[in-house]
Amino acid sequence: MSENNTPRKVEGGQSNTVAPVSSPPGKSWVQFDADSGENKDSPAVISTETNGDIIVTLLPVNTRFPWITPAQFRPELVPEELMAQGLTLTVEEYVQAMELLVNDVRFSLYNVCYKRVLVVWITLAFLILLGLLFSGLTGLTLFALGIGWLILNACAIFLSLYLKFKLQRNLERCLAHVNKQLLRHKIVIALDDRGKISCHKVNLCFLYMDSAPCIAHLQTSIEQQERDPASGWEQRMDITSHDIVIQGSRTTRLSRKQERATLLYLRYISRWGRDRVRGRLVSPPAAGGRHCSSFTCPCQFIEEHLHCKPTGKLTFKSFFLNPDQPNDTSLCRIQ
């Protein structure tokens, strides 16, 4: 198997990696008895005492034309690190979660378009400009076309940035759906796209994170914020927590208030995981983080983001005419 088919573990010094105590050399995928015969190797053991540690990082498996073909992952290839002692994830649940991810159109669109939509337009705009310069046109005609090109180019750049924003948001919602399946196993999956133009540098990172303390703290925060209706906390959460209405002979309404903390955690946990992998999380004071010893935990990350996130929609008028408003997004870690 080629190097790209092997899950890569982040080395110590770059992050707090969860490393197996014993791992058979040369075997990076789970081996079944029917395929490999009798296996006498002792299973790997994962230490699950520290939250936020990186368990394993997966690279795309496709090696042919990697610069132009989208990143591909094979759900049936199960990394042995995720099957180690100390983790409760099963092979079937891993395959189900990965199939849910790779078959989602939001995941495919992000892989293909996110880092390339702006580059494609800039290249196209440059070719159009060269066509105008060498078209032989002169005078007011060339000047008018040049002004039109500038206006079109500016509008297209803003449109490209908007599309990137929508692609990222849709990907986070997709990962939230997948992380919901992994929540009870204390595992978080995050996507880290390290490419500029290449489609082949999309990494899937699996992290160990016990969600119970953070969800409990978020639930307490939500209840406290509800006492102040003017805080705008509910609009900032960006989750769907409306009551479920079941129509029938008798209309039944199921409240989802108790699920809001979980939904909020799932909404932003992939963003936290990406920043955790990239080392962007600010180190907490010497006393340690709230639920993580060496970096900002998810509930701290979410609270910091929501406190500086504007209520409602941010418009060009409110941003440019009122730059000193309290809802200034320049304090946000991720826009």
C-alpha atoms as a PDB file:
ATOM      1  CA  MET A   1       0.000   0.000   0.000  1.00  0.00           C
ATOM      2  CA  SER A   2       1.299   3.414  -0.927  1.00  0.00           C
ATOM      3  CA  GLU A   3       2.271   6.041   1.591  1.00  0.00           C
ATOM      4  CA  ASN A   4      -0.846   8.094   0.902  1.00  0.00           C
ATOM      5  CA  ASN A   5      -3.051   5.153   1.941  1.00  0.00           C
ATOM      6  CA  THR A   6      -1.540   5.066   5.408  1.00  0.00           C
ATOM      7  CA  PRO A   7      -3.110   7.061   8.239  1.00  0.00           C
ATOM      8  CA  ARG A   8      -0.571   9.571   9.422  1.00  0.00           C
ATOM      9  CA  LYS A   9      -0.114  10.261  13.126  1.00  0.00           C
ATOM     10  CA  VAL A  10       1.031  13.681  14.155  1.00  0.00           C
ATOM     11  CA  GLU A  11       4.427  13.569  15.802  1.00  0.00           C
ATOM     12  CA  GLY A  12       5.043  14.706  19.325  1.00  0.00           C
ATOM     13  CA  GLY A  13       6.171  18.276  19.620  1.00  0.00           C
ATOM     14  CA  GLN A  14       3.547  19.495  17.159  1.00  0.00           C
ATOM     15  CA  SER A  15       0.577  18.478  19.303  1.00  0.00           C
ATOM     16  CA  ASN A  16      -0.443  16.217  22.139  1.00  0.00           C
ATOM     17  CA  THR A  17      -0.919  13.075  20.074  1.00  0.00           C
ATOM     18  CA  VAL A  18      -2.631  10.019  21.453  1.00  0.00           C
ATOM     19  CA  ALA A  19      -0.085   7.335  20.644  1.00  0.00           C
ATOM     20  CA  PRO A  20      -0.718   3.582  20.929  1.00  0.00           C
ATOM     21  CA  VAL A  21       1.481   1.876  23.484  1.00  0.00           C
ATOM     22  CA  SER A  22       2.115  -1.022  21.170  1.00  0.00           C
ATOM     23  CA  SER A  23       1.397  -1.069  17.466  1.00  0.00           C
ATOM     24  CA  PRO A  24       2.409  -3.805  15.005  1.00  0.00           C
ATOM     25  CA  PRO A  25       4.966  -2.364  12.558  1.00  0.00           C
ATOM     26  CA  GLY A  26       3.841  -2.059   8.968  1.00  0.00           C
ATOM     27  CA  LYS A  27       0.146  -2.496   9.814  1.00  0.00           C
ATOM     28  CA  SER A  28      -1.912   0.667   9.751  1.00  0.00           C
ATOM     29  CA  TRP A  29      -5.340  -0.733   8.953  1.00  0.00           C
ATOM     30  CA  VAL A  30      -7.462  -3.165  10.915  1.00  0.00           C
ATOM     31  CA  GLN A  31      -6.700  -6.737   9.883  1.00  0.00           C
ATOM     32  CA  PHE A  32      -9.447  -9.376   9.994  1.00  0.00           C
ATOM     33  CA  ASP A  33      -8.770 -13.058  10.689  1.00  0.00           C
ATOM     34  CA  ALA A  34     -10.342 -14.088   7.379  1.00  0.00           C
ATOM     35  CA  ASP A  35      -7.875 -11.874   5.514  1.00  0.00           C
ATOM     36  CA  SER A  36      -4.708 -12.111   7.543  1.00  0.00           C
ATOM     37  CA  GLY A  37      -4.921 -15.455   9.283  1.00  0.00           C
ATOM     38  CA  GLU A  38      -4.107 -15.825  12.963  1.00  0.00           C
ATOM     39  CA  ASN A  39      -3.114 -12.560  14.571  1.00  0.00           C
ATOM     40  CA  LYS A  40      -1.000 -12.951  17.677  1.00  0.00           C
ATOM     41  CA  ASP A  41      -0.046  -9.309  18.056  1.00  0.00           C
ATOM     42  CA  SER A  42      -1.211  -7.625  21.240  1.00  0.00           C
ATOM     43  CA  PRO A  43      -3.824  -4.892  20.651  1.00  0.00           C
ATOM     44  CA  ALA A  44      -2.870  -1.254  20.879  1.00  0.00           C
ATOM     45  CA  VAL A  45      -3.839   0.616  24.023  1.00  0.00           C
ATOM     46  CA  ILE A  46      -4.977   4.244  23.968  1.00  0.00           C
ATOM     47  CA  SER A  47      -4.656   6.429  27.025  1.00  0.00           C
ATOM     48  CA  THR A  48      -7.944   8.332  27.399  1.00  0.00           C
ATOM     49  CA  GLU A  49      -7.034  10.511  30.343  1.00  0.00           C
ATOM     50  CA  THR A  50      -6.375  13.750  28.405  1.00  0.00           C
ATOM     51  CA  ASN A  51      -9.099  15.428  26.309  1.00  0.00           C
ATOM     52  CA  GLY A  52      -8.394  16.915  22.891  1.00  0.00           C
ATOM     53  CA  ASP A  53      -5.556  14.559  21.931  1.00  0.00           C
ATOM     54  CA  ILE A  54      -5.186  13.612  18.265  1.00  0.00           C
ATOM     55  CA  ILE A  55      -5.797   9.900  17.743  1.00  0.00           C
ATOM     56  CA  VAL A  56      -5.044   9.591  14.020  1.00  0.00           C
ATOM     57  CA  THR A  57      -4.983  11.695  10.849  1.00  0.00           C
ATOM     58  CA  LEU A  58      -6.202  10.206   7.563  1.00  0.00           C
ATOM     59  CA  LEU A  59      -4.890  11.204   4.130  1.00  0.00           C
ATOM     60  CA  PRO A  60      -6.747  10.677   0.819  1.00  0.00           C
ATOM     61  CA  VAL A  61      -6.277   7.280  -0.794  1.00  0.00           C
ATOM     62  CA  ASN A  62      -6.331   8.383  -4.439  1.00  0.00           C
ATOM     63  CA  THR A  63      -2.846   8.798  -5.895  1.00  0.00           C
ATOM     64  CA  ARG A  64      -3.569   9.279  -9.625  1.00  0.00           C
ATOM     65  CA  PHE A  65      -3.616  12.929 -10.697  1.00  0.00           C
ATOM     66  CA  PRO A  66      -3.886  14.117  -7.074  1.00  0.00           C
ATOM     67  CA  TRP A  67      -3.658  17.795  -8.009  1.00  0.00           C
ATOM     68  CA  ILE A  68      -6.853  17.752 -10.065  1.00  0.00           C
ATOM     69  CA  THR A  69      -8.889  14.841  -8.661  1.00  0.00           C
ATOM     70  CA  PRO A  70     -10.941  15.372  -5.473  1.00  0.00           C
ATOM     71  CA  ALA A  71      -9.741  13.800  -2.252  1.00  0.00           C
ATOM     72  CA  GLN A  72     -11.189  10.330  -1.735  1.00  0.00           C
ATOM     73  CA  PHE A  73     -11.495   8.285   1.441  1.00  0.00           C
ATOM     74  CA  ARG A  74     -12.421   4.612   1.676  1.00  0.00           C
ATOM     75  CA  PRO A  75     -14.771   3.923   4.606  1.00  0.00           C
ATOM     76  CA  GLU A  76     -13.938   0.212   4.629  1.00  0.00           C
ATOM     77  CA  LEU A  77     -10.309   0.919   5.547  1.00  0.00           C
ATOM     78  CA  VAL A  78     -10.398   1.232   9.333  1.00  0.00           C
ATOM     79  CA  PRO A  79      -7.330   2.701  11.102  1.00  0.00           C
ATOM     80  CA  GLU A  80      -6.172   0.418  13.875  1.00  0.00           C
ATOM     81  CA  GLU A  81      -5.681   3.407  16.203  1.00  0.00           C
ATOM     82  CA  LEU A  82      -9.465   3.866  16.349  1.00  0.00           C
ATOM     83  CA  MET A  83      -9.930   0.219  17.342  1.00  0.00           C
ATOM     84  CA  ALA A  84      -7.439   0.374  20.206  1.00  0.00           C
ATOM     85  CA  GLN A  85      -8.255  -0.520  23.790  1.00  0.00           C
ATOM     86  CA  GLY A  86      -9.646   2.469  25.644  1.00  0.00           C
ATOM     87  CA  LEU A  87     -11.939   3.468  22.738  1.00  0.00           C
ATOM     88  CA  THR A  88     -15.441   2.094  22.259  1.00  0.00           C
ATOM     89  CA  LEU A  89     -15.843   2.733  18.527  1.00  0.00           C
ATOM     90  CA  THR A  90     -16.638  -0.399  16.519  1.00  0.00           C
ATOM     91  CA  VAL A  91     -15.760  -1.186  12.912  1.00  0.00           C
ATOM     92  CA  GLU A  92     -19.403  -1.025  11.836  1.00  0.00           C
ATOM     93  CA  GLU A  93     -19.934   2.373  13.425  1.00  0.00           C
ATOM     94  CA  TYR A  94     -16.747   3.756  11.888  1.00  0.00           C
ATOM     95  CA  VAL A  95     -17.764   2.557   8.415  1.00  0.00           C
ATOM     96  CA  GLN A  96     -21.259   3.974   8.862  1.00  0.00           C
ATOM     97  CA  ALA A  97     -19.933   7.367   9.955  1.00  0.00           C
ATOM     98  CA  MET A  98     -17.411   7.545   7.107  1.00  0.00           C
ATOM     99  CA  GLU A  99     -20.007   6.553   4.509  1.00  0.00           C
ATOM    100  CA  LEU A 100     -22.266   9.263   5.874  1.00  0.00           C
ATOM    101  CA  LEU A 101     -19.445  11.767   5.390  1.00  0.00           C
ATOM    102  CA  VAL A 102     -18.050  10.803   1.984  1.00  0.00           C
ATOM    103  CA  ASN A 103     -21.523  10.408   0.431  1.00  0.00           C
ATOM    104  CA  ASP A 104     -22.643  13.869   1.547  1.00  0.00           C
ATOM    105  CA  VAL A 105     -22.694  16.358  -1.312  1.00  0.00           C
ATOM    106  CA  ARG A 106     -21.614  19.166   1.050  1.00  0.00           C
ATOM    107  CA  PHE A 107     -18.387  17.306   1.785  1.00  0.00           C
ATOM    108  CA  SER A 108     -17.719  16.730  -1.931  1.00  0.00           C
ATOM    109  CA  LEU A 109     -18.408  20.362  -2.862  1.00  0.00           C
ATOM    110  CA  TYR A 110     -16.052  21.602  -0.167  1.00  0.00           C
ATOM    111  CA  ASN A 111     -13.268  19.278  -1.323  1.00  0.00           C
ATOM    112  CA  VAL A 112     -13.541  20.402  -4.922  1.00  0.00           C
ATOM    113  CA  CYS A 113     -14.455  24.083  -4.685  1.00  0.00           C
ATOM    114  CA  TYR A 114     -13.370  25.696  -1.411  1.00  0.00           C
ATOM    115  CA  LYS A 115      -9.703  26.415  -2.134  1.00  0.00           C
ATOM    116  CA  ARG A 116     -10.202  26.744  -5.878  1.00  0.00           C
ATOM    117  CA  VAL A 117     -13.263  28.878  -6.606  1.00  0.00           C
ATOM    118  CA  LEU A 118     -11.360  32.134  -6.084  1.00  0.00           C
ATOM    119  CA  VAL A 119      -8.276  30.894  -7.934  1.00  0.00           C
ATOM    120  CA  VAL A 120     -10.388  29.842 -10.924  1.00  0.00           C
ATOM    121  CA  TRP A 121     -12.015  33.256 -11.176  1.00  0.00           C
ATOM    122  CA  ILE A 122      -8.725  35.170 -10.824  1.00  0.00           C
ATOM    123  CA  THR A 123      -7.261  33.061 -13.626  1.00  0.00           C
ATOM    124  CA  LEU A 124     -10.309  33.625 -15.803  1.00  0.00           C
ATOM    125  CA  ALA A 125     -10.298  37.375 -15.086  1.00  0.00           C
ATOM    126  CA  PHE A 126      -6.620  37.586 -16.036  1.00  0.00           C
ATOM    127  CA  LEU A 127      -7.314  35.855 -19.353  1.00  0.00           C
ATOM    128  CA  ILE A 128     -10.198  38.239 -20.048  1.00  0.00           C
ATOM    129  CA  LEU A 129      -7.929  41.208 -19.324  1.00  0.00           C
ATOM    130  CA  LEU A 130      -5.287  39.889 -21.728  1.00  0.00           C
ATOM    131  CA  GLY A 131      -7.987  39.436 -24.352  1.00  0.00           C
ATOM    132  CA  LEU A 132      -9.023  43.066 -23.964  1.00  0.00           C
ATOM    133  CA  LEU A 133      -5.454  44.356 -24.145  1.00  0.00           C
ATOM    134  CA  PHE A 134      -4.639  42.428 -27.323  1.00  0.00           C
ATOM    135  CA  SER A 135      -8.036  42.865 -28.975  1.00  0.00           C
ATOM    136  CA  GLY A 136      -6.901  45.895 -30.940  1.00  0.00           C
ATOM    137  CA  LEU A 137      -9.539  48.161 -29.429  1.00  0.00           C
ATOM    138  CA  THR A 138      -8.549  51.744 -28.581  1.00  0.00           C
ATOM    139  CA  GLY A 139      -9.959  54.939 -27.198  1.00  0.00           C
ATOM    140  CA  LEU A 140     -13.197  55.178 -25.290  1.00  0.00           C
ATOM    141  CA  THR A 141     -14.245  51.663 -26.214  1.00  0.00           C
ATOM    142  CA  LEU A 142     -11.220  50.095 -24.522  1.00  0.00           C
ATOM    143  CA  PHE A 143     -11.618  52.451 -21.564  1.00  0.00           C
ATOM    144  CA  ALA A 144     -15.293  51.537 -21.093  1.00  0.00           C
ATOM    145  CA  LEU A 145     -14.526  47.815 -21.343  1.00  0.00           C
ATOM    146  CA  GLY A 146     -11.713  48.242 -18.814  1.00  0.00           C
ATOM    147  CA  ILE A 147     -14.068  49.932 -16.341  1.00  0.00           C
ATOM    148  CA  GLY A 148     -16.611  47.171 -16.908  1.00  0.00           C
ATOM    149  CA  TRP A 149     -13.921  44.543 -16.279  1.00  0.00           C
ATOM    150  CA  LEU A 150     -12.969  46.190 -12.966  1.00  0.00           C
ATOM    151  CA  ILE A 151     -16.586  46.248 -11.800  1.00  0.00           C
ATOM    152  CA  LEU A 152     -17.167  42.662 -12.902  1.00  0.00           C
ATOM    153  CA  ASN A 153     -13.956  41.516 -11.262  1.00  0.00           C
ATOM    154  CA  ALA A 154     -14.839  43.161  -7.929  1.00  0.00           C
ATOM    155  CA  CYS A 155     -18.340  41.666  -7.932  1.00  0.00           C
ATOM    156  CA  ALA A 156     -16.999  38.220  -8.808  1.00  0.00           C
ATOM    157  CA  ILE A 157     -14.420  38.329  -5.999  1.00  0.00           C
ATOM    158  CA  PHE A 158     -17.112  39.196  -3.448  1.00  0.00           C
ATOM    159  CA  LEU A 159     -19.274  36.408  -4.868  1.00  0.00           C
ATOM    160  CA  SER A 160     -16.388  33.946  -4.592  1.00  0.00           C
ATOM    161  CA  LEU A 161     -15.806  34.900  -0.956  1.00  0.00           C
ATOM    162  CA  TYR A 162     -19.511  34.455  -0.260  1.00  0.00           C
ATOM    163  CA  LEU A 163     -19.465  31.013  -1.884  1.00  0.00           C
ATOM    164  CA  LYS A 164     -16.456  30.023   0.231  1.00  0.00           C
ATOM    165  CA  PHE A 165     -18.316  31.134   3.342  1.00  0.00           C
ATOM    166  CA  LYS A 166     -21.362  29.049   2.383  1.00  0.00           C
ATOM    167  CA  LEU A 167     -19.212  26.026   1.562  1.00  0.00           C
ATOM    168  CA  GLN A 168     -17.502  26.211   4.949  1.00  0.00           C
ATOM    169  CA  ARG A 169     -20.771  26.609   6.832  1.00  0.00           C
ATOM    170  CA  ASN A 170     -22.370  23.687   4.976  1.00  0.00           C
ATOM    171  CA  LEU A 171     -19.330  21.541   5.705  1.00  0.00           C
ATOM    172  CA  GLU A 172     -19.599  22.338   9.423  1.00  0.00           C
ATOM    173  CA  ARG A 173     -23.240  21.260   9.368  1.00  0.00           C
ATOM    174  CA  CYS A 174     -22.247  18.063   7.575  1.00  0.00           C
ATOM    175  CA  LEU A 175     -19.540  17.294  10.141  1.00  0.00           C
ATOM    176  CA  ALA A 176     -21.996  18.051  12.949  1.00  0.00           C
ATOM    177  CA  HIS A 177     -24.251  15.321  11.555  1.00  0.00           C
ATOM    178  CA  VAL A 178     -21.330  12.880  11.486  1.00  0.00           C
ATOM    179  CA  ASN A 179     -20.019  13.865  14.922  1.00  0.00           C
ATOM    180  CA  LYS A 180     -23.464  13.162  16.341  1.00  0.00           C
ATOM    181  CA  GLN A 181     -22.830   9.498  15.522  1.00  0.00           C
ATOM    182  CA  LEU A 182     -19.431   9.607  17.254  1.00  0.00           C
ATOM    183  CA  LEU A 183     -20.501  11.632  20.285  1.00  0.00           C
ATOM    184  CA  ARG A 184     -21.067   8.675  22.603  1.00  0.00           C
ATOM    185  CA  HIS A 185     -17.628   7.303  21.758  1.00  0.00           C
ATOM    186  CA  LYS A 186     -15.924  10.556  22.840  1.00  0.00           C
ATOM    187  CA  ILE A 187     -14.463  11.025  19.347  1.00  0.00           C
ATOM    188  CA  VAL A 188     -14.515  14.158  17.198  1.00  0.00           C
ATOM    189  CA  ILE A 189     -13.790  14.271  13.480  1.00  0.00           C
ATOM    190  CA  ALA A 190     -12.455  17.492  11.966  1.00  0.00           C
ATOM    191  CA  LEU A 191     -11.379  18.406   8.439  1.00  0.00           C
ATOM    192  CA  ASP A 192      -8.134  20.275   7.787  1.00  0.00           C
ATOM    193  CA  ASP A 193      -7.616  21.448   4.198  1.00  0.00           C
ATOM    194  CA  ARG A 194      -3.930  22.322   3.909  1.00  0.00           C
ATOM    195  CA  GLY A 195      -3.915  22.752   0.153  1.00  0.00           C
ATOM    196  CA  LYS A 196      -3.822  25.967  -1.845  1.00  0.00           C
ATOM    197  CA  ILE A 197      -4.780  24.701  -5.268  1.00  0.00           C
ATOM    198  CA  SER A 198      -4.265  20.964  -4.883  1.00  0.00           C
ATOM    199  CA  CYS A 199      -7.317  18.816  -4.123  1.00  0.00           C
ATOM    200  CA  HIS A 200      -5.155  16.201  -2.398  1.00  0.00           C
ATOM    201  CA  LYS A 201      -4.256  17.855   0.901  1.00  0.00           C
ATOM    202  CA  VAL A 202      -7.537  17.348   2.723  1.00  0.00           C
ATOM    203  CA  ASN A 203      -6.904  15.608   6.056  1.00  0.00           C
ATOM    204  CA  LEU A 204      -9.482  13.977   8.296  1.00  0.00           C
ATOM    205  CA  CYS A 205      -8.411  14.234  11.935  1.00  0.00           C
ATOM    206  CA  PHE A 206      -9.890  12.125  14.717  1.00  0.00           C
ATOM    207  CA  LEU A 207      -9.571  13.574  18.217  1.00  0.00           C
ATOM    208  CA  TYR A 208     -10.447  12.219  21.629  1.00  0.00           C
ATOM    209  CA  MET A 209     -12.804  14.575  23.449  1.00  0.00           C
ATOM    210  CA  ASP A 210     -15.218  13.864  26.293  1.00  0.00           C
ATOM    211  CA  SER A 211     -18.207  16.042  25.485  1.00  0.00           C
ATOM    212  CA  ALA A 212     -20.152  15.610  28.736  1.00  0.00           C
ATOM    213  CA  PRO A 213     -18.453  18.399  30.793  1.00  0.00           C
ATOM    214  CA  CYS A 214     -18.628  20.928  27.939  1.00  0.00           C
ATOM    215  CA  ILE A 215     -22.268  20.152  27.123  1.00  0.00           C
ATOM    216  CA  ALA A 216     -23.215  20.487  30.800  1.00  0.00           C
ATOM    217  CA  HIS A 217     -21.468  23.864  30.997  1.00  0.00           C
ATOM    218  CA  LEU A 218     -23.107  25.073  27.766  1.00  0.00           C
ATOM    219  CA  GLN A 219     -26.515  24.073  29.117  1.00  0.00           C
ATOM    220  CA  THR A 220     -25.883  26.166  32.226  1.00  0.00           C
ATOM    221  CA  SER A 221     -24.757  29.122  30.090  1.00  0.00           C
ATOM    222  CA  ILE A 222     -27.856  28.909  27.897  1.00  0.00           C
ATOM    223  CA  GLU A 223     -30.131  28.889  30.944  1.00  0.00           C
ATOM    224  CA  GLN A 224     -28.343  31.926  32.356  1.00  0.00           C
ATOM    225  CA  GLN A 225     -28.538  33.823  29.075  1.00  0.00           C
ATOM    226  CA  GLU A 226     -32.273  33.097  28.768  1.00  0.00           C
ATOM    227  CA  ARG A 227     -32.871  35.258  31.822  1.00  0.00           C
ATOM    228  CA  ASP A 228     -31.764  38.259  29.754  1.00  0.00           C
ATOM    229  CA  PRO A 229     -33.915  38.342  26.588  1.00  0.00           C
ATOM    230  CA  ALA A 230     -31.963  41.342  25.260  1.00  0.00           C
ATOM    231  CA  SER A 231     -28.696  39.382  25.101  1.00  0.00           C
ATOM    232  CA  GLY A 232     -29.545  37.881  21.706  1.00  0.00           C
ATOM    233  CA  TRP A 233     -27.937  34.590  22.707  1.00  0.00           C
ATOM    234  CA  GLU A 234     -30.507  32.447  20.908  1.00  0.00           C
ATOM    235  CA  GLN A 235     -29.941  34.242  17.577  1.00  0.00           C
ATOM    236  CA  ARG A 236     -26.186  33.819  17.903  1.00  0.00           C
ATOM    237  CA  MET A 237     -26.280  30.049  18.451  1.00  0.00           C
ATOM    238  CA  ASP A 238     -27.120  29.323  14.782  1.00  0.00           C
ATOM    239  CA  ILE A 239     -28.871  26.049  15.554  1.00  0.00           C
ATOM    240  CA  THR A 240     -32.351  24.703  14.880  1.00  0.00           C
ATOM    241  CA  SER A 241     -33.946  23.991  18.251  1.00  0.00           C
ATOM    242  CA  HIS A 242     -37.623  24.529  17.520  1.00  0.00           C
ATOM    243  CA  ASP A 243     -40.144  22.199  19.082  1.00  0.00           C
ATOM    244  CA  ILE A 244     -40.966  19.048  17.118  1.00  0.00           C
ATOM    245  CA  VAL A 245     -44.663  18.927  16.179  1.00  0.00           C
ATOM    246  CA  ILE A 246     -46.154  15.490  15.441  1.00  0.00           C
ATOM    247  CA  GLN A 247     -49.443  15.720  13.550  1.00  0.00           C
ATOM    248  CA  GLY A 248     -52.038  13.019  14.041  1.00  0.00           C
ATOM    249  CA  SER A 249     -55.302  12.412  15.789  1.00  0.00           C
ATOM    250  CA  ARG A 250     -53.740  14.408  18.600  1.00  0.00           C
ATOM    251  CA  THR A 251     -51.068  17.007  17.934  1.00  0.00           C
ATOM    252  CA  THR A 252     -47.990  16.358  20.042  1.00  0.00           C
ATOM    253  CA  ARG A 253     -45.301  18.937  20.654  1.00  0.00           C
ATOM    254  CA  LEU A 254     -41.871  17.731  21.792  1.00  0.00           C
ATOM    255  CA  SER A 255     -39.596  20.316  23.355  1.00  0.00           C
ATOM    256  CA  ARG A 256     -35.958  20.381  22.294  1.00  0.00           C
ATOM    257  CA  LYS A 257     -34.740  22.762  24.975  1.00  0.00           C
ATOM    258  CA  GLN A 258     -32.713  20.025  26.625  1.00  0.00           C
ATOM    259  CA  GLU A 259     -30.994  19.292  23.304  1.00  0.00           C
ATOM    260  CA  ARG A 260     -29.826  22.837  22.641  1.00  0.00           C
ATOM    261  CA  ALA A 261     -26.515  22.430  24.445  1.00  0.00           C
ATOM    262  CA  THR A 262     -25.753  19.253  22.468  1.00  0.00           C
ATOM    263  CA  LEU A 263     -26.764  20.877  19.181  1.00  0.00           C
ATOM    264  CA  LEU A 264     -24.632  23.913  19.970  1.00  0.00           C
ATOM    265  CA  TYR A 265     -21.664  21.686  20.821  1.00  0.00           C
ATOM    266  CA  LEU A 266     -22.042  19.733  17.578  1.00  0.00           C
ATOM    267  CA  ARG A 267     -22.465  22.945  15.546  1.00  0.00           C
ATOM    268  CA  TYR A 268     -19.000  24.269  16.435  1.00  0.00           C
ATOM    269  CA  ILE A 269     -16.999  21.194  17.478  1.00  0.00           C
ATOM    270  CA  SER A 270     -15.537  20.605  14.003  1.00  0.00           C
ATOM    271  CA  ARG A 271     -14.363  24.243  13.896  1.00  0.00           C
ATOM    272  CA  TRP A 272     -12.751  23.770  17.306  1.00  0.00           C
ATOM    273  CA  GLY A 273     -11.110  20.554  16.107  1.00  0.00           C
ATOM    274  CA  ARG A 274      -9.663  22.251  13.033  1.00  0.00           C
ATOM    275  CA  ASP A 275      -8.145  25.020  15.143  1.00  0.00           C
ATOM    276  CA  ARG A 276      -6.884  22.429  17.610  1.00  0.00           C
ATOM    277  CA  VAL A 277      -5.086  20.544  14.837  1.00  0.00           C
ATOM    278  CA  ARG A 278      -3.620  23.766  13.394  1.00  0.00           C
ATOM    279  CA  GLY A 279      -2.418  24.935  16.799  1.00  0.00           C
ATOM    280  CA  ARG A 280      -4.502  28.116  16.727  1.00  0.00           C
ATOM    281  CA  LEU A 281      -6.140  27.718  20.111  1.00  0.00           C
ATOM    282  CA  VAL A 282      -4.880  30.188  22.661  1.00  0.00           C
ATOM    283  CA  SER A 283      -3.178  28.512  25.613  1.00  0.00           C
ATOM    284  CA  PRO A 284      -5.118  29.052  28.838  1.00  0.00           C
ATOM    285  CA  PRO A 285      -3.566  30.455  31.988  1.00  0.00           C
ATOM    286  CA  ALA A 286      -1.189  28.448  34.152  1.00  0.00           C
ATOM    287  CA  ALA A 287      -4.150  27.056  36.089  1.00  0.00           C
ATOM    288  CA  GLY A 288      -5.193  25.185  32.941  1.00  0.00           C
ATOM    289  CA  GLY A 289      -8.290  25.208  30.754  1.00  0.00           C
ATOM    290  CA  ARG A 290     -11.799  24.545  31.915  1.00  0.00           C
ATOM    291  CA  HIS A 291     -11.884  20.941  30.724  1.00  0.00           C
ATOM    292  CA  CYS A 292      -8.549  20.651  28.860  1.00  0.00           C
ATOM    293  CA  SER A 293      -5.192  20.984  30.540  1.00  0.00           C
ATOM    294  CA  SER A 294      -3.137  22.732  27.864  1.00  0.00           C
ATOM    295  CA  PHE A 295      -5.507  24.599  25.520  1.00  0.00           C
ATOM    296  CA  THR A 296      -8.948  26.117  25.188  1.00  0.00           C
ATOM    297  CA  CYS A 297     -11.690  23.523  25.551  1.00  0.00           C
ATOM    298  CA  PRO A 298     -14.737  23.450  23.219  1.00  0.00           C
ATOM    299  CA  CYS A 299     -17.161  25.202  25.601  1.00  0.00           C
ATOM    300  CA  GLN A 300     -14.688  28.056  26.105  1.00  0.00           C
ATOM    301  CA  PHE A 301     -14.152  28.271  22.349  1.00  0.00           C
ATOM    302  CA  ILE A 302     -17.906  28.379  21.678  1.00  0.00           C
ATOM    303  CA  GLU A 303     -18.604  30.967  24.353  1.00  0.00           C
ATOM    304  CA  GLU A 304     -15.837  33.264  23.094  1.00  0.00           C
ATOM    305  CA  HIS A 305     -17.209  33.023  19.572  1.00  0.00           C
ATOM    306  CA  LEU A 306     -20.832  33.634  20.560  1.00  0.00           C
ATOM    307  CA  HIS A 307     -20.019  36.615  22.770  1.00  0.00           C
ATOM    308  CA  CYS A 308     -18.481  38.512  19.841  1.00  0.00           C
ATOM    309  CA  LYS A 309     -20.816  37.172  17.161  1.00  0.00           C
ATOM    310  CA  PRO A 310     -23.321  39.803  15.951  1.00  0.00           C
ATOM    311  CA  THR A 311     -27.036  39.307  16.491  1.00  0.00           C
ATOM    312  CA  GLY A 312     -28.921  38.965  13.233  1.00  0.00           C
ATOM    313  CA  LYS A 313     -27.310  39.444   9.845  1.00  0.00           C
ATOM    314  CA  LEU A 314     -24.239  41.594   9.304  1.00  0.00           C
ATOM    315  CA  THR A 315     -24.835  44.033   6.442  1.00  0.00           C
ATOM    316  CA  PHE A 316     -22.400  46.218   4.545  1.00  0.00           C
ATOM    317  CA  LYS A 317     -24.173  49.319   5.870  1.00  0.00           C
ATOM    318  CA  SER A 318     -23.890  48.309   9.534  1.00  0.00           C
ATOM    319  CA  PHE A 319     -20.283  47.230   9.103  1.00  0.00           C
ATOM    320  CA  PHE A 320     -18.960  50.309   7.275  1.00  0.00           C
ATOM    321  CA  LEU A 321     -21.136  53.030   8.809  1.00  0.00           C
ATOM    322  CA  ASN A 322     -20.973  51.734  12.398  1.00  0.00           C
ATOM    323  CA  PRO A 323     -17.497  50.205  12.797  1.00  0.00           C
ATOM    324  CA  ASP A 324     -17.478  50.843  16.567  1.00  0.00           C
ATOM    325  CA  GLN A 325     -20.697  48.991  17.314  1.00  0.00           C
ATOM    326  CA  PRO A 326     -20.583  46.465  20.191  1.00  0.00           C
ATOM    327  CA  ASN A 327     -21.123  43.554  17.803  1.00  0.00           C
ATOM    328  CA  ASP A 328     -17.816  44.089  16.049  1.00  0.00           C
ATOM    329  CA  THR A 329     -16.756  40.783  14.493  1.00  0.00           C
ATOM    330  CA  SER A 330     -13.057  41.654  14.488  1.00  0.00           C
ATOM    331  CA  LEU A 331     -12.792  40.037  17.921  1.00  0.00           C
ATOM    332  CA  CYS A 332     -14.070  36.705  16.672  1.00  0.00           C
ATOM    333  CA  ARG A 333     -11.587  33.899  16.288  1.00  0.00           C
ATOM    334  CA  ILE A 334     -13.288  32.643  13.124  1.00  0.00           C
ATOM    335  CA  GLN A 335     -15.578  34.831  11.046  1.00  0.00           C
END
